[in-house]
Amino acid sequence: MHRCLRAALKMVSCERPCVKKPSVSVFVKRNTSKYSAALLKTPSGRLRTSARMPEINTDDLDEKQVQLLAEMCILIDENDCKTGADSKKNCHLNSNIDKGLLHRAFSVFLFNSEEKLLLQQRSDAKITFPGCFTNTCCSHPLYTPGELEEQDAIGVRRAAQRRMEAELGIPQSQVPPEEMTYLTRIHYKAQSDGIWGEHEIDYILFMQKDVEVNPDPNEIKSHCYVTKEELKDMLRRAKDKELLITPWFSLIAETFLFKWWDNLQNLKQFMDHKKIHRM
């Protein structure tokens, strides 16, 4: 990484996976396919998967990250209506994404009292977009009662609280769901490599607070607080292929982020819970 970037970013120590990851090609593709539900109901009313899980060799992947592939994500249609559940593994396989498999997600943007944005660099152990810089926290609500609850996006906000602790070590008491501002949703699709990718309706959550950060090195390679100008410089470097940025963060930064950032004390004007922005 270039010396000037090092000066701008506060890096933290991290553990490296034993297996070297291939380089990642990042691109974004507009979604044009119709969603077809991957789950059916049995006569008893229970949900079951309608297709078998593709056989994917995970021997060369990080053991802890492979274990997380068993988590159950919330499947949705293109209007963000729940249709069932499927494993994180199934939701992130391009072979299923190409058939329209879509799940619910969130992206947190946490600012400190100086209005600097907390970024993370995803660890090299991550299965999708390893080593990429991104916003504070990006993950998925799970198919559990507390995170399925939709009133005021409380389930998504609870998931964000859970994942900020898991990834960044932020105590849950410091990031209560009621202090998160749910702005809007974006729908995007992106490949990480030939096997893995993302297809999500992403809830955008803003928060301003000084917090304690103690990242899990299996999740996060480095973290830093940046000003607007420092982030703009990182975006320029990403275009010159000097560093990698996740596609969802790039999309949000290029379309909405700086306008929202300029109005941290007056975000209510940007809240739109009806529209889903198709990116």
C-alpha atoms as a PDB file:
ATOM      1  CA  MET A   1       0.000   0.000   0.000  1.00  0.00           C
ATOM      2  CA  HIS A   2       1.306   3.413  -0.875  1.00  0.00           C
ATOM      3  CA  ARG A   3       2.993   5.464   1.825  1.00  0.00           C
ATOM      4  CA  CYS A   4       0.436   8.268   1.645  1.00  0.00           C
ATOM      5  CA  LEU A   5      -2.393   5.803   2.246  1.00  0.00           C
ATOM      6  CA  ARG A   6      -0.569   4.433   5.246  1.00  0.00           C
ATOM      7  CA  ALA A   7      -0.336   7.903   6.648  1.00  0.00           C
ATOM      8  CA  ALA A   8      -4.072   8.429   6.188  1.00  0.00           C
ATOM      9  CA  LEU A   9      -5.190   5.106   7.635  1.00  0.00           C
ATOM     10  CA  LYS A  10      -4.805   3.746  11.142  1.00  0.00           C
ATOM     11  CA  MET A  11      -3.901   0.092  10.590  1.00  0.00           C
ATOM     12  CA  VAL A  12      -4.408  -2.691  13.153  1.00  0.00           C
ATOM     13  CA  SER A  13      -2.649  -6.046  13.450  1.00  0.00           C
ATOM     14  CA  CYS A  14      -4.393  -9.039  11.950  1.00  0.00           C
ATOM     15  CA  GLU A  15      -4.024 -12.766  11.514  1.00  0.00           C
ATOM     16  CA  ARG A  16      -3.398 -14.096   8.061  1.00  0.00           C
ATOM     17  CA  PRO A  17      -5.056 -17.270   6.776  1.00  0.00           C
ATOM     18  CA  CYS A  18      -2.769 -20.172   5.987  1.00  0.00           C
ATOM     19  CA  VAL A  19      -3.986 -20.408   2.416  1.00  0.00           C
ATOM     20  CA  LYS A  20      -3.232 -17.568   0.022  1.00  0.00           C
ATOM     21  CA  LYS A  21      -6.338 -16.118  -1.587  1.00  0.00           C
ATOM     22  CA  PRO A  22      -6.497 -15.501  -5.347  1.00  0.00           C
ATOM     23  CA  SER A  23      -6.812 -11.908  -6.491  1.00  0.00           C
ATOM     24  CA  VAL A  24     -10.374 -10.637  -6.632  1.00  0.00           C
ATOM     25  CA  SER A  25     -12.042  -9.083  -9.621  1.00  0.00           C
ATOM     26  CA  VAL A  26     -14.838  -6.752  -8.541  1.00  0.00           C
ATOM     27  CA  PHE A  27     -17.662  -5.610 -10.748  1.00  0.00           C
ATOM     28  CA  VAL A  28     -21.306  -4.744 -10.416  1.00  0.00           C
ATOM     29  CA  LYS A  29     -24.070  -6.035 -12.616  1.00  0.00           C
ATOM     30  CA  ARG A  30     -27.588  -4.661 -12.801  1.00  0.00           C
ATOM     31  CA  ASN A  31     -30.253  -7.164 -11.862  1.00  0.00           C
ATOM     32  CA  THR A  32     -32.661  -7.937 -14.669  1.00  0.00           C
ATOM     33  CA  SER A  33     -33.824 -11.423 -13.702  1.00  0.00           C
ATOM     34  CA  LYS A  34     -37.069 -12.127 -11.861  1.00  0.00           C
ATOM     35  CA  TYR A  35     -36.749 -13.733  -8.455  1.00  0.00           C
ATOM     36  CA  SER A  36     -37.869 -17.336  -8.155  1.00  0.00           C
ATOM     37  CA  ALA A  37     -38.427 -18.601  -4.622  1.00  0.00           C
ATOM     38  CA  ALA A  38     -35.903 -21.191  -3.475  1.00  0.00           C
ATOM     39  CA  LEU A  39     -38.110 -22.540  -0.704  1.00  0.00           C
ATOM     40  CA  LEU A  40     -41.374 -24.465  -0.747  1.00  0.00           C
ATOM     41  CA  LYS A  41     -43.813 -25.311   2.039  1.00  0.00           C
ATOM     42  CA  THR A  42     -44.400 -28.885   3.092  1.00  0.00           C
ATOM     43  CA  PRO A  43     -47.934 -30.090   3.947  1.00  0.00           C
ATOM     44  CA  SER A  44     -47.184 -29.283   7.600  1.00  0.00           C
ATOM     45  CA  GLY A  45     -46.491 -25.663   6.664  1.00  0.00           C
ATOM     46  CA  ARG A  46     -42.752 -25.829   7.308  1.00  0.00           C
ATOM     47  CA  LEU A  47     -40.305 -24.353   4.831  1.00  0.00           C
ATOM     48  CA  ARG A  48     -37.934 -26.542   2.925  1.00  0.00           C
ATOM     49  CA  THR A  49     -35.362 -25.906   0.232  1.00  0.00           C
ATOM     50  CA  SER A  50     -36.571 -26.720  -3.266  1.00  0.00           C
ATOM     51  CA  ALA A  51     -33.119 -27.374  -4.735  1.00  0.00           C
ATOM     52  CA  ARG A  52     -30.097 -29.264  -3.499  1.00  0.00           C
ATOM     53  CA  MET A  53     -27.062 -27.351  -2.315  1.00  0.00           C
ATOM     54  CA  PRO A  54     -24.419 -27.254  -5.074  1.00  0.00           C
ATOM     55  CA  GLU A  55     -21.293 -29.226  -4.231  1.00  0.00           C
ATOM     56  CA  ILE A  56     -18.567 -26.648  -3.550  1.00  0.00           C
ATOM     57  CA  ASN A  57     -15.104 -27.536  -2.247  1.00  0.00           C
ATOM     58  CA  THR A  58     -14.425 -25.391   0.818  1.00  0.00           C
ATOM     59  CA  ASP A  59     -11.228 -27.180   1.919  1.00  0.00           C
ATOM     60  CA  ASP A  60      -9.041 -24.214   0.960  1.00  0.00           C
ATOM     61  CA  LEU A  61     -11.195 -21.655   2.772  1.00  0.00           C
ATOM     62  CA  ASP A  62     -10.810 -20.345   6.311  1.00  0.00           C
ATOM     63  CA  GLU A  63     -12.348 -22.806   8.798  1.00  0.00           C
ATOM     64  CA  LYS A  64     -14.117 -20.159  10.899  1.00  0.00           C
ATOM     65  CA  GLN A  65     -15.592 -18.447   7.838  1.00  0.00           C
ATOM     66  CA  VAL A  66     -16.784 -21.803   6.476  1.00  0.00           C
ATOM     67  CA  GLN A  67     -18.635 -22.446   9.758  1.00  0.00           C
ATOM     68  CA  LEU A  68     -20.504 -19.163   9.303  1.00  0.00           C
ATOM     69  CA  LEU A  69     -21.812 -20.409   5.940  1.00  0.00           C
ATOM     70  CA  ALA A  70     -24.351 -22.505   7.848  1.00  0.00           C
ATOM     71  CA  GLU A  71     -26.143 -19.400   9.173  1.00  0.00           C
ATOM     72  CA  MET A  72     -29.638 -18.959   7.784  1.00  0.00           C
ATOM     73  CA  CYS A  73     -30.274 -15.757   5.852  1.00  0.00           C
ATOM     74  CA  ILE A  74     -33.683 -14.244   5.130  1.00  0.00           C
ATOM     75  CA  LEU A  75     -34.836 -14.838   1.554  1.00  0.00           C
ATOM     76  CA  ILE A  76     -36.911 -12.087  -0.030  1.00  0.00           C
ATOM     77  CA  ASP A  77     -38.490 -11.134  -3.338  1.00  0.00           C
ATOM     78  CA  GLU A  78     -37.639  -7.956  -5.243  1.00  0.00           C
ATOM     79  CA  ASN A  79     -40.091  -6.005  -3.078  1.00  0.00           C
ATOM     80  CA  ASP A  80     -38.297  -7.125   0.107  1.00  0.00           C
ATOM     81  CA  CYS A  81     -41.144  -9.441   1.141  1.00  0.00           C
ATOM     82  CA  LYS A  82     -39.974 -12.516   3.058  1.00  0.00           C
ATOM     83  CA  THR A  83     -40.213 -15.791   1.135  1.00  0.00           C
ATOM     84  CA  GLY A  84     -38.261 -18.130   3.417  1.00  0.00           C
ATOM     85  CA  ALA A  85     -34.719 -18.913   4.525  1.00  0.00           C
ATOM     86  CA  ASP A  86     -31.582 -20.449   3.128  1.00  0.00           C
ATOM     87  CA  SER A  87     -27.969 -20.885   4.231  1.00  0.00           C
ATOM     88  CA  LYS A  88     -25.419 -18.127   3.859  1.00  0.00           C
ATOM     89  CA  LYS A  89     -23.534 -20.535   1.602  1.00  0.00           C
ATOM     90  CA  ASN A  90     -26.438 -21.005  -0.783  1.00  0.00           C
ATOM     91  CA  CYS A  91     -27.229 -17.279  -0.817  1.00  0.00           C
ATOM     92  CA  HIS A  92     -23.695 -16.365  -1.895  1.00  0.00           C
ATOM     93  CA  LEU A  93     -23.144 -18.877  -4.679  1.00  0.00           C
ATOM     94  CA  ASN A  94     -23.213 -17.256  -8.120  1.00  0.00           C
ATOM     95  CA  SER A  95     -24.951 -20.339  -9.493  1.00  0.00           C
ATOM     96  CA  ASN A  96     -27.947 -19.531  -7.270  1.00  0.00           C
ATOM     97  CA  ILE A  97     -27.673 -15.753  -7.631  1.00  0.00           C
ATOM     98  CA  ASP A  98     -27.913 -16.168 -11.406  1.00  0.00           C
ATOM     99  CA  LYS A  99     -31.270 -17.886 -10.825  1.00  0.00           C
ATOM    100  CA  GLY A 100     -32.516 -14.900  -8.819  1.00  0.00           C
ATOM    101  CA  LEU A 101     -31.799 -15.925  -5.220  1.00  0.00           C
ATOM    102  CA  LEU A 102     -32.029 -12.723  -3.165  1.00  0.00           C
ATOM    103  CA  HIS A 103     -31.517 -12.076   0.550  1.00  0.00           C
ATOM    104  CA  ARG A 104     -31.808  -9.242   3.074  1.00  0.00           C
ATOM    105  CA  ALA A 105     -28.701  -7.385   4.285  1.00  0.00           C
ATOM    106  CA  PHE A 106     -27.582  -4.169   5.961  1.00  0.00           C
ATOM    107  CA  SER A 107     -24.746  -1.647   5.789  1.00  0.00           C
ATOM    108  CA  VAL A 108     -23.802   0.436   8.835  1.00  0.00           C
ATOM    109  CA  PHE A 109     -22.103   3.832   8.566  1.00  0.00           C
ATOM    110  CA  LEU A 110     -20.790   4.839  11.979  1.00  0.00           C
ATOM    111  CA  PHE A 111     -19.350   8.333  12.499  1.00  0.00           C
ATOM    112  CA  ASN A 112     -17.476   9.624  15.547  1.00  0.00           C
ATOM    113  CA  SER A 113     -17.987  12.980  17.240  1.00  0.00           C
ATOM    114  CA  GLU A 114     -15.562  14.562  14.742  1.00  0.00           C
ATOM    115  CA  GLU A 115     -17.839  13.378  11.906  1.00  0.00           C
ATOM    116  CA  LYS A 116     -15.205  10.963  10.649  1.00  0.00           C
ATOM    117  CA  LEU A 117     -16.475   7.679   9.164  1.00  0.00           C
ATOM    118  CA  LEU A 118     -15.255   4.353  10.515  1.00  0.00           C
ATOM    119  CA  LEU A 119     -14.100   2.056   7.703  1.00  0.00           C
ATOM    120  CA  GLN A 120     -12.909  -1.515   7.833  1.00  0.00           C
ATOM    121  CA  GLN A 121     -10.736  -3.560   5.525  1.00  0.00           C
ATOM    122  CA  ARG A 122     -12.141  -7.063   5.226  1.00  0.00           C
ATOM    123  CA  SER A 123      -9.735  -9.797   6.282  1.00  0.00           C
ATOM    124  CA  ASP A 124      -8.041 -12.054   3.781  1.00  0.00           C
ATOM    125  CA  ALA A 125     -10.002 -14.922   5.384  1.00  0.00           C
ATOM    126  CA  LYS A 126     -13.347 -13.589   4.119  1.00  0.00           C
ATOM    127  CA  ILE A 127     -14.953 -15.711   1.416  1.00  0.00           C
ATOM    128  CA  THR A 128     -16.436 -12.765  -0.492  1.00  0.00           C
ATOM    129  CA  PHE A 129     -14.417  -9.620  -1.272  1.00  0.00           C
ATOM    130  CA  PRO A 130     -11.350 -10.411   0.906  1.00  0.00           C
ATOM    131  CA  GLY A 131      -9.004  -7.499   1.508  1.00  0.00           C
ATOM    132  CA  CYS A 132     -11.519  -4.912   0.307  1.00  0.00           C
ATOM    133  CA  PHE A 133     -12.150  -1.654   2.148  1.00  0.00           C
ATOM    134  CA  THR A 134     -15.775  -1.025   3.019  1.00  0.00           C
ATOM    135  CA  ASN A 135     -18.096   0.859   5.353  1.00  0.00           C
ATOM    136  CA  THR A 136     -18.229   0.223   9.099  1.00  0.00           C
ATOM    137  CA  CYS A 137     -20.126  -3.071   9.065  1.00  0.00           C
ATOM    138  CA  CYS A 138     -21.915  -5.075   6.358  1.00  0.00           C
ATOM    139  CA  SER A 139     -23.766  -8.300   7.065  1.00  0.00           C
ATOM    140  CA  HIS A 140     -27.177 -10.001   7.192  1.00  0.00           C
ATOM    141  CA  PRO A 141     -30.060 -10.334   9.611  1.00  0.00           C
ATOM    142  CA  LEU A 142     -30.629 -13.999  10.345  1.00  0.00           C
ATOM    143  CA  TYR A 143     -33.796 -16.107  10.135  1.00  0.00           C
ATOM    144  CA  THR A 144     -34.421 -15.837  13.885  1.00  0.00           C
ATOM    145  CA  PRO A 145     -37.472 -14.341  15.646  1.00  0.00           C
ATOM    146  CA  GLY A 146     -35.683 -11.220  16.855  1.00  0.00           C
ATOM    147  CA  GLU A 147     -34.099 -10.399  13.501  1.00  0.00           C
ATOM    148  CA  LEU A 148     -37.154 -11.263  11.395  1.00  0.00           C
ATOM    149  CA  GLU A 149     -39.188  -8.528  13.092  1.00  0.00           C
ATOM    150  CA  GLU A 150     -39.858  -5.808  10.512  1.00  0.00           C
ATOM    151  CA  GLN A 151     -41.548  -2.921  12.371  1.00  0.00           C
ATOM    152  CA  ASP A 152     -39.232   0.104  11.975  1.00  0.00           C
ATOM    153  CA  ALA A 153     -36.556  -2.322  10.690  1.00  0.00           C
ATOM    154  CA  ILE A 154     -35.920  -3.345  14.304  1.00  0.00           C
ATOM    155  CA  GLY A 155     -34.784  -6.856  13.302  1.00  0.00           C
ATOM    156  CA  VAL A 156     -32.181  -5.457  10.909  1.00  0.00           C
ATOM    157  CA  ARG A 157     -30.973  -2.970  13.532  1.00  0.00           C
ATOM    158  CA  ARG A 158     -30.636  -5.777  16.100  1.00  0.00           C
ATOM    159  CA  ALA A 159     -28.561  -7.725  13.581  1.00  0.00           C
ATOM    160  CA  ALA A 160     -26.341  -4.682  13.047  1.00  0.00           C
ATOM    161  CA  GLN A 161     -25.774  -4.413  16.803  1.00  0.00           C
ATOM    162  CA  ARG A 162     -24.836  -8.118  16.932  1.00  0.00           C
ATOM    163  CA  ARG A 163     -22.413  -7.919  14.015  1.00  0.00           C
ATOM    164  CA  MET A 164     -20.683  -4.731  15.154  1.00  0.00           C
ATOM    165  CA  GLU A 165     -19.740  -6.594  18.305  1.00  0.00           C
ATOM    166  CA  ALA A 166     -18.724  -9.754  16.409  1.00  0.00           C
ATOM    167  CA  GLU A 167     -16.585  -7.971  13.817  1.00  0.00           C
ATOM    168  CA  LEU A 168     -15.391  -4.772  15.469  1.00  0.00           C
ATOM    169  CA  GLY A 169     -15.614  -5.714  19.136  1.00  0.00           C
ATOM    170  CA  ILE A 170     -17.908  -2.759  19.840  1.00  0.00           C
ATOM    171  CA  PRO A 171     -19.862  -3.485  23.051  1.00  0.00           C
ATOM    172  CA  GLN A 172     -23.550  -3.901  22.270  1.00  0.00           C
ATOM    173  CA  SER A 173     -24.391  -1.390  24.996  1.00  0.00           C
ATOM    174  CA  GLN A 174     -22.625   1.303  22.948  1.00  0.00           C
ATOM    175  CA  VAL A 175     -24.646   0.681  19.760  1.00  0.00           C
ATOM    176  CA  PRO A 176     -28.293   0.190  20.812  1.00  0.00           C
ATOM    177  CA  PRO A 177     -30.695  -0.308  17.891  1.00  0.00           C
ATOM    178  CA  GLU A 178     -32.791   2.706  18.875  1.00  0.00           C
ATOM    179  CA  GLU A 179     -29.807   4.989  18.196  1.00  0.00           C
ATOM    180  CA  MET A 180     -29.419   3.776  14.601  1.00  0.00           C
ATOM    181  CA  THR A 181     -31.116   5.749  11.831  1.00  0.00           C
ATOM    182  CA  TYR A 182     -32.619   3.614   9.068  1.00  0.00           C
ATOM    183  CA  LEU A 183     -32.440   5.716   5.897  1.00  0.00           C
ATOM    184  CA  THR A 184     -33.384   3.631   2.871  1.00  0.00           C
ATOM    185  CA  ARG A 185     -32.680   0.401   0.932  1.00  0.00           C
ATOM    186  CA  ILE A 186     -30.596  -0.438  -2.114  1.00  0.00           C
ATOM    187  CA  HIS A 187     -30.819  -3.521  -4.349  1.00  0.00           C
ATOM    188  CA  TYR A 188     -27.565  -4.587  -5.991  1.00  0.00           C
ATOM    189  CA  LYS A 189     -25.802  -7.604  -7.438  1.00  0.00           C
ATOM    190  CA  ALA A 190     -22.040  -8.237  -7.621  1.00  0.00           C
ATOM    191  CA  GLN A 191     -19.620 -11.113  -8.193  1.00  0.00           C
ATOM    192  CA  SER A 192     -16.589 -11.584  -5.959  1.00  0.00           C
ATOM    193  CA  ASP A 193     -15.052 -14.382  -8.035  1.00  0.00           C
ATOM    194  CA  GLY A 194     -16.247 -17.225 -10.247  1.00  0.00           C
ATOM    195  CA  ILE A 195     -17.974 -19.023  -7.364  1.00  0.00           C
ATOM    196  CA  TRP A 196     -19.059 -16.456  -4.781  1.00  0.00           C
ATOM    197  CA  GLY A 197     -21.022 -13.217  -4.980  1.00  0.00           C
ATOM    198  CA  GLU A 198     -23.708 -10.990  -3.472  1.00  0.00           C
ATOM    199  CA  HIS A 199     -27.339 -10.299  -4.362  1.00  0.00           C
ATOM    200  CA  GLU A 200     -28.990  -8.249  -1.652  1.00  0.00           C
ATOM    201  CA  ILE A 201     -31.526  -5.674  -0.646  1.00  0.00           C
ATOM    202  CA  ASP A 202     -29.354  -3.657   1.685  1.00  0.00           C
ATOM    203  CA  TYR A 203     -30.730  -1.559   4.577  1.00  0.00           C
ATOM    204  CA  ILE A 204     -28.670   1.622   5.089  1.00  0.00           C
ATOM    205  CA  LEU A 205     -28.122   2.423   8.781  1.00  0.00           C
ATOM    206  CA  PHE A 206     -26.435   5.600  10.086  1.00  0.00           C
ATOM    207  CA  MET A 207     -25.126   6.254  13.571  1.00  0.00           C
ATOM    208  CA  GLN A 208     -22.939   8.905  15.183  1.00  0.00           C
ATOM    209  CA  LYS A 209     -21.180   7.943  18.397  1.00  0.00           C
ATOM    210  CA  ASP A 210     -17.727   7.515  19.900  1.00  0.00           C
ATOM    211  CA  VAL A 211     -17.244   3.796  20.516  1.00  0.00           C
ATOM    212  CA  GLU A 212     -14.604   1.319  21.639  1.00  0.00           C
ATOM    213  CA  VAL A 213     -13.210  -0.713  18.732  1.00  0.00           C
ATOM    214  CA  ASN A 214     -11.409  -4.042  19.185  1.00  0.00           C
ATOM    215  CA  PRO A 215     -11.688  -5.912  15.853  1.00  0.00           C
ATOM    216  CA  ASP A 216     -11.667  -9.684  15.357  1.00  0.00           C
ATOM    217  CA  PRO A 217      -8.679 -10.294  13.019  1.00  0.00           C
ATOM    218  CA  ASN A 218     -10.532 -13.165  11.377  1.00  0.00           C
ATOM    219  CA  GLU A 219     -13.100 -10.610  10.192  1.00  0.00           C
ATOM    220  CA  ILE A 220     -11.140  -7.376   9.827  1.00  0.00           C
ATOM    221  CA  LYS A 221      -7.630  -6.782   8.484  1.00  0.00           C
ATOM    222  CA  SER A 222      -7.485  -3.089   9.411  1.00  0.00           C
ATOM    223  CA  HIS A 223      -9.734  -0.192  10.355  1.00  0.00           C
ATOM    224  CA  CYS A 224      -9.555   3.591  10.190  1.00  0.00           C
ATOM    225  CA  TYR A 225     -11.568   6.775  10.629  1.00  0.00           C
ATOM    226  CA  VAL A 226     -11.585   8.952   7.525  1.00  0.00           C
ATOM    227  CA  THR A 227     -12.653  12.445   6.558  1.00  0.00           C
ATOM    228  CA  LYS A 228     -14.614  13.118   3.387  1.00  0.00           C
ATOM    229  CA  GLU A 229     -11.462  14.140   1.537  1.00  0.00           C
ATOM    230  CA  GLU A 230      -9.578  11.037   2.678  1.00  0.00           C
ATOM    231  CA  LEU A 231     -12.419   8.827   1.468  1.00  0.00           C
ATOM    232  CA  LYS A 232     -12.547  10.648  -1.883  1.00  0.00           C
ATOM    233  CA  ASP A 233      -8.824   9.971  -2.230  1.00  0.00           C
ATOM    234  CA  MET A 234      -9.400   6.277  -1.485  1.00  0.00           C
ATOM    235  CA  LEU A 235     -12.133   6.142  -4.136  1.00  0.00           C
ATOM    236  CA  ARG A 236      -9.720   7.656  -6.657  1.00  0.00           C
ATOM    237  CA  ARG A 237      -7.077   5.090  -5.720  1.00  0.00           C
ATOM    238  CA  ALA A 238      -9.618   2.305  -6.146  1.00  0.00           C
ATOM    239  CA  LYS A 239     -10.336   3.484  -9.698  1.00  0.00           C
ATOM    240  CA  ASP A 240      -6.581   3.337 -10.352  1.00  0.00           C
ATOM    241  CA  LYS A 241      -6.581  -0.213  -8.920  1.00  0.00           C
ATOM    242  CA  GLU A 242      -4.261   0.785  -6.089  1.00  0.00           C
ATOM    243  CA  LEU A 243      -6.663  -0.674  -3.528  1.00  0.00           C
ATOM    244  CA  LEU A 244      -9.936  -2.616  -3.481  1.00  0.00           C
ATOM    245  CA  ILE A 245     -13.317  -1.310  -2.312  1.00  0.00           C
ATOM    246  CA  THR A 246     -16.462  -3.429  -2.021  1.00  0.00           C
ATOM    247  CA  PRO A 247     -18.990  -2.812  -4.799  1.00  0.00           C
ATOM    248  CA  TRP A 248     -21.859  -1.899  -2.456  1.00  0.00           C
ATOM    249  CA  PHE A 249     -19.709   0.704  -0.665  1.00  0.00           C
ATOM    250  CA  SER A 250     -18.537   2.121  -3.978  1.00  0.00           C
ATOM    251  CA  LEU A 251     -22.136   2.392  -5.218  1.00  0.00           C
ATOM    252  CA  ILE A 252     -23.359   4.098  -2.047  1.00  0.00           C
ATOM    253  CA  ALA A 253     -20.377   6.469  -1.952  1.00  0.00           C
ATOM    254  CA  GLU A 254     -20.837   7.501  -5.578  1.00  0.00           C
ATOM    255  CA  THR A 255     -24.580   8.122  -5.294  1.00  0.00           C
ATOM    256  CA  PHE A 256     -25.705   9.059  -1.775  1.00  0.00           C
ATOM    257  CA  LEU A 257     -23.028   9.053   0.904  1.00  0.00           C
ATOM    258  CA  PHE A 258     -21.534  12.545   0.740  1.00  0.00           C
ATOM    259  CA  LYS A 259     -24.946  14.212   0.633  1.00  0.00           C
ATOM    260  CA  TRP A 260     -25.960  12.278   3.745  1.00  0.00           C
ATOM    261  CA  TRP A 261     -22.591  12.965   5.376  1.00  0.00           C
ATOM    262  CA  ASP A 262     -23.097  16.712   4.900  1.00  0.00           C
ATOM    263  CA  ASN A 263     -26.367  16.441   6.845  1.00  0.00           C
ATOM    264  CA  LEU A 264     -25.545  14.145   9.766  1.00  0.00           C
ATOM    265  CA  GLN A 265     -27.564  16.347  12.112  1.00  0.00           C
ATOM    266  CA  ASN A 266     -30.555  16.450   9.773  1.00  0.00           C
ATOM    267  CA  LEU A 267     -30.937  12.972   8.279  1.00  0.00           C
ATOM    268  CA  LYS A 268     -34.706  12.832   8.589  1.00  0.00           C
ATOM    269  CA  GLN A 269     -35.111  14.578   5.219  1.00  0.00           C
ATOM    270  CA  PHE A 270     -33.399  11.623   3.511  1.00  0.00           C
ATOM    271  CA  MET A 271     -35.398   8.843   5.155  1.00  0.00           C
ATOM    272  CA  ASP A 272     -37.303   6.886   2.506  1.00  0.00           C
ATOM    273  CA  HIS A 273     -38.660   3.531   3.655  1.00  0.00           C
ATOM    274  CA  LYS A 274     -40.918   2.970   0.661  1.00  0.00           C
ATOM    275  CA  LYS A 275     -38.466   3.137  -2.216  1.00  0.00           C
ATOM    276  CA  ILE A 276     -35.861   0.465  -3.015  1.00  0.00           C
ATOM    277  CA  HIS A 277     -33.031   1.967  -5.072  1.00  0.00           C
ATOM    278  CA  ARG A 278     -32.120  -0.435  -7.880  1.00  0.00           C
ATOM    279  CA  MET A 279     -28.382  -0.091  -8.449  1.00  0.00           C
END
